[in-house]
Amino acid sequence: MHTLTMSVAFFMIVLIDTLTLVNLLILRALRNGEEKYWMEKQEKKKEAQKMRMKFFKTSFYLADRQRNTCRPALFIDC
């Protein structure tokens, strides 16, 4: 009886440790996926910022050519 109890206890400990390890691996995978998501989101923000800066540089250049000023040329035909 004592050996059976010890075997069951050992099996339960191994089972709990295995489940804990699997849980930790799943959590790590989820965290890595979340970090990847946030990094991609940051990259998209940087790309959008680059596009905005490109637009404003172009508009300042057009304004300078049309009127010799440094105002943004939002309406090119004025």
N, C-alpha and C. Protein backbone atom coordinates (compact mmCIF):
# COMPACT_ATOMS: atom_id res chain seq x y z
N MET A 1 0.82 -1.20 0.00
CA MET A 1 0.00 0.00 0.00
C MET A 1 0.86 1.25 0.00
N HIS A 2 1.93 1.21 0.79
CA HIS A 2 2.82 2.36 0.88
C HIS A 2 3.49 2.63 -0.48
N THR A 3 3.90 1.58 -1.18
CA THR A 3 4.53 1.73 -2.49
C THR A 3 3.55 2.30 -3.50
N LEU A 4 2.32 1.86 -3.45
CA LEU A 4 1.30 2.36 -4.37
C LEU A 4 1.05 3.85 -4.14
N THR A 5 0.97 4.26 -2.90
CA THR A 5 0.77 5.67 -2.58
C THR A 5 1.94 6.51 -3.07
N MET A 6 3.15 6.01 -2.87
CA MET A 6 4.34 6.73 -3.34
C MET A 6 4.35 6.81 -4.87
N SER A 7 3.94 5.75 -5.55
CA SER A 7 3.91 5.76 -7.02
C SER A 7 2.90 6.78 -7.53
N VAL A 8 1.73 6.79 -6.91
CA VAL A 8 0.69 7.74 -7.33
C VAL A 8 1.15 9.17 -7.06
N ALA A 9 1.76 9.40 -5.91
CA ALA A 9 2.25 10.74 -5.57
C ALA A 9 3.32 11.17 -6.57
N PHE A 10 4.24 10.27 -6.90
CA PHE A 10 5.30 10.59 -7.86
C PHE A 10 4.69 10.90 -9.23
N PHE A 11 3.73 10.08 -9.65
CA PHE A 11 3.07 10.31 -10.94
C PHE A 11 2.36 11.67 -10.96
N MET A 12 1.69 12.02 -9.87
CA MET A 12 1.00 13.31 -9.79
C MET A 12 1.99 14.47 -9.86
N ILE A 13 3.12 14.33 -9.18
CA ILE A 13 4.14 15.39 -9.21
C ILE A 13 4.68 15.56 -10.63
N VAL A 14 4.97 14.45 -11.30
CA VAL A 14 5.48 14.51 -12.68
C VAL A 14 4.42 15.13 -13.59
N LEU A 15 3.17 14.75 -13.41
CA LEU A 15 2.09 15.29 -14.24
C LEU A 15 1.95 16.80 -14.03
N ILE A 16 1.96 17.24 -12.79
CA ILE A 16 1.83 18.67 -12.50
C ILE A 16 3.02 19.44 -13.06
N ASP A 17 4.23 18.90 -12.90
CA ASP A 17 5.41 19.58 -13.45
C ASP A 17 5.33 19.67 -14.97
N THR A 18 4.87 18.61 -15.62
CA THR A 18 4.74 18.62 -17.08
C THR A 18 3.73 19.66 -17.53
N LEU A 19 2.59 19.69 -16.85
CA LEU A 19 1.56 20.68 -17.21
C LEU A 19 2.06 22.10 -16.97
N THR A 20 2.80 22.31 -15.90
CA THR A 20 3.36 23.63 -15.62
C THR A 20 4.34 24.04 -16.71
N LEU A 21 5.19 23.11 -17.12
CA LEU A 21 6.16 23.40 -18.17
C LEU A 21 5.46 23.73 -19.49
N VAL A 22 4.44 22.96 -19.83
CA VAL A 22 3.69 23.23 -21.06
C VAL A 22 3.02 24.59 -20.98
N ASN A 23 2.45 24.91 -19.82
CA ASN A 23 1.80 26.20 -19.63
C ASN A 23 2.81 27.34 -19.80
N LEU A 24 4.00 27.18 -19.22
CA LEU A 24 5.03 28.22 -19.36
C LEU A 24 5.46 28.38 -20.82
N LEU A 25 5.58 27.27 -21.53
CA LEU A 25 5.96 27.36 -22.94
C LEU A 25 4.89 28.06 -23.76
N ILE A 26 3.62 27.77 -23.46
CA ILE A 26 2.52 28.44 -24.17
C ILE A 26 2.53 29.93 -23.87
N LEU A 27 2.72 30.28 -22.60
CA LEU A 27 2.76 31.70 -22.24
C LEU A 27 3.92 32.42 -22.92
N ARG A 28 5.07 31.75 -23.01
CA ARG A 28 6.22 32.37 -23.67
C ARG A 28 5.93 32.59 -25.15
N ALA A 29 5.30 31.60 -25.79
CA ALA A 29 4.96 31.75 -27.21
C ALA A 29 3.97 32.89 -27.41
N LEU A 30 2.99 32.99 -26.52
CA LEU A 30 2.02 34.09 -26.64
C LEU A 30 2.69 35.44 -26.44
N ARG A 31 3.60 35.52 -25.47
CA ARG A 31 4.29 36.78 -25.21
C ARG A 31 5.16 37.18 -26.41
N ASN A 32 5.84 36.19 -27.00
CA ASN A 32 6.66 36.49 -28.17
C ASN A 32 5.80 36.96 -29.33
N GLY A 33 4.63 36.33 -29.50
CA GLY A 33 3.72 36.76 -30.56
C GLY A 33 3.22 38.17 -30.32
N GLU A 34 2.95 38.50 -29.05
CA GLU A 34 2.47 39.84 -28.72
C GLU A 34 3.56 40.87 -28.97
N GLU A 35 4.81 40.54 -28.60
CA GLU A 35 5.92 41.46 -28.87
C GLU A 35 6.08 41.68 -30.37
N LYS A 36 5.93 40.61 -31.14
CA LYS A 36 6.04 40.73 -32.59
C LYS A 36 4.95 41.65 -33.13
N TYR A 37 3.73 41.48 -32.60
CA TYR A 37 2.61 42.33 -33.02
C TYR A 37 2.91 43.80 -32.73
N TRP A 38 3.40 44.09 -31.51
CA TRP A 38 3.68 45.49 -31.15
C TRP A 38 4.83 46.05 -31.97
N MET A 39 5.83 45.21 -32.27
CA MET A 39 6.94 45.70 -33.09
C MET A 39 6.46 46.01 -34.50
N GLU A 40 5.58 45.17 -35.06
CA GLU A 40 5.04 45.45 -36.39
C GLU A 40 4.20 46.72 -36.37
N LYS A 41 3.46 46.92 -35.29
CA LYS A 41 2.65 48.13 -35.17
C LYS A 41 3.55 49.37 -35.12
N GLN A 42 4.67 49.29 -34.38
CA GLN A 42 5.61 50.40 -34.31
C GLN A 42 6.22 50.68 -35.68
N GLU A 43 6.54 49.61 -36.42
CA GLU A 43 7.10 49.79 -37.76
C GLU A 43 6.11 50.49 -38.67
N LYS A 44 4.83 50.13 -38.57
CA LYS A 44 3.80 50.79 -39.39
C LYS A 44 3.69 52.26 -39.03
N LYS A 45 3.79 52.57 -37.73
CA LYS A 45 3.73 53.97 -37.31
C LYS A 45 4.92 54.75 -37.87
N LYS A 46 6.11 54.14 -37.81
CA LYS A 46 7.30 54.80 -38.35
C LYS A 46 7.16 55.03 -39.86
N GLU A 47 6.62 54.03 -40.55
CA GLU A 47 6.43 54.16 -42.00
C GLU A 47 5.44 55.28 -42.31
N ALA A 48 4.36 55.36 -41.53
CA ALA A 48 3.38 56.43 -41.74
C ALA A 48 4.01 57.79 -41.46
N GLN A 49 4.85 57.87 -40.43
CA GLN A 49 5.53 59.13 -40.12
C GLN A 49 6.46 59.52 -41.27
N LYS A 50 7.16 58.54 -41.84
CA LYS A 50 8.04 58.83 -42.98
C LYS A 50 7.23 59.38 -44.15
N MET A 51 6.07 58.76 -44.41
CA MET A 51 5.24 59.22 -45.52
C MET A 51 4.73 60.64 -45.27
N ARG A 52 4.34 60.94 -44.02
CA ARG A 52 3.89 62.30 -43.70
C ARG A 52 5.02 63.30 -43.90
N MET A 53 6.22 62.95 -43.44
CA MET A 53 7.36 63.85 -43.60
C MET A 53 7.67 64.06 -45.08
N LYS A 54 7.57 62.99 -45.85
CA LYS A 54 7.82 63.10 -47.28
C LYS A 54 6.80 64.05 -47.92
N PHE A 55 5.53 63.92 -47.53
CA PHE A 55 4.49 64.79 -48.05
C PHE A 55 4.77 66.25 -47.70
N PHE A 56 5.11 66.51 -46.42
CA PHE A 56 5.34 67.89 -46.00
C PHE A 56 6.58 68.47 -46.65
N LYS A 57 7.62 67.65 -46.82
CA LYS A 57 8.81 68.15 -47.51
C LYS A 57 8.46 68.53 -48.94
N THR A 58 7.67 67.70 -49.60
CA THR A 58 7.25 67.99 -50.97
C THR A 58 6.40 69.25 -51.02
N SER A 59 5.47 69.38 -50.05
CA SER A 59 4.60 70.55 -50.08
C SER A 59 5.39 71.83 -49.79
N PHE A 60 6.37 71.77 -48.89
CA PHE A 60 7.21 72.95 -48.64
C PHE A 60 8.02 73.30 -49.88
N TYR A 61 8.51 72.27 -50.57
CA TYR A 61 9.28 72.50 -51.78
C TYR A 61 8.41 73.16 -52.85
N LEU A 62 7.17 72.66 -53.03
CA LEU A 62 6.27 73.26 -54.02
C LEU A 62 5.92 74.69 -53.65
N ALA A 63 5.71 74.94 -52.37
CA ALA A 63 5.38 76.30 -51.94
C ALA A 63 6.55 77.24 -52.20
N ASP A 64 7.74 76.76 -51.96
CA ASP A 64 8.92 77.59 -52.18
C ASP A 64 9.07 77.90 -53.66
N ARG A 65 8.80 76.93 -54.52
CA ARG A 65 8.93 77.17 -55.96
C ARG A 65 7.84 78.10 -56.46
N GLN A 66 6.62 78.00 -55.93
CA GLN A 66 5.52 78.81 -56.45
C GLN A 66 5.55 80.24 -55.93
N ARG A 67 5.82 80.40 -54.66
CA ARG A 67 5.68 81.73 -54.07
C ARG A 67 6.93 82.27 -53.40
N ASN A 68 8.00 81.53 -53.43
CA ASN A 68 9.21 81.91 -52.72
C ASN A 68 8.95 82.09 -51.22
N THR A 69 8.12 81.26 -50.68
CA THR A 69 7.85 81.29 -49.24
C THR A 69 8.08 79.91 -48.67
N CYS A 70 7.88 79.79 -47.39
CA CYS A 70 8.05 78.50 -46.74
C CYS A 70 6.74 77.99 -46.17
N ARG A 71 5.61 78.39 -46.71
CA ARG A 71 4.33 77.88 -46.24
C ARG A 71 4.01 76.59 -46.97
N PRO A 72 3.31 75.68 -46.32
CA PRO A 72 2.96 74.44 -47.02
C PRO A 72 1.98 74.71 -48.16
N ALA A 73 2.21 74.08 -49.26
CA ALA A 73 1.32 74.27 -50.42
C ALA A 73 0.25 73.20 -50.38
N LEU A 74 -0.79 73.43 -49.60
CA LEU A 74 -1.86 72.45 -49.52
C LEU A 74 -2.76 72.53 -50.74
N PHE A 75 -2.90 73.73 -51.31
CA PHE A 75 -3.66 73.90 -52.54
C PHE A 75 -2.68 74.37 -53.61
N ILE A 76 -2.35 73.49 -54.51
CA ILE A 76 -1.29 73.79 -55.47
C ILE A 76 -1.73 74.85 -56.48
N ASP A 77 -3.02 74.95 -56.77
CA ASP A 77 -3.46 75.86 -57.82
C ASP A 77 -3.69 77.29 -57.33
N CYS A 78 -3.44 77.63 -56.04
CA CYS A 78 -3.72 78.99 -55.60
C CYS A 78 -2.53 79.92 -55.78
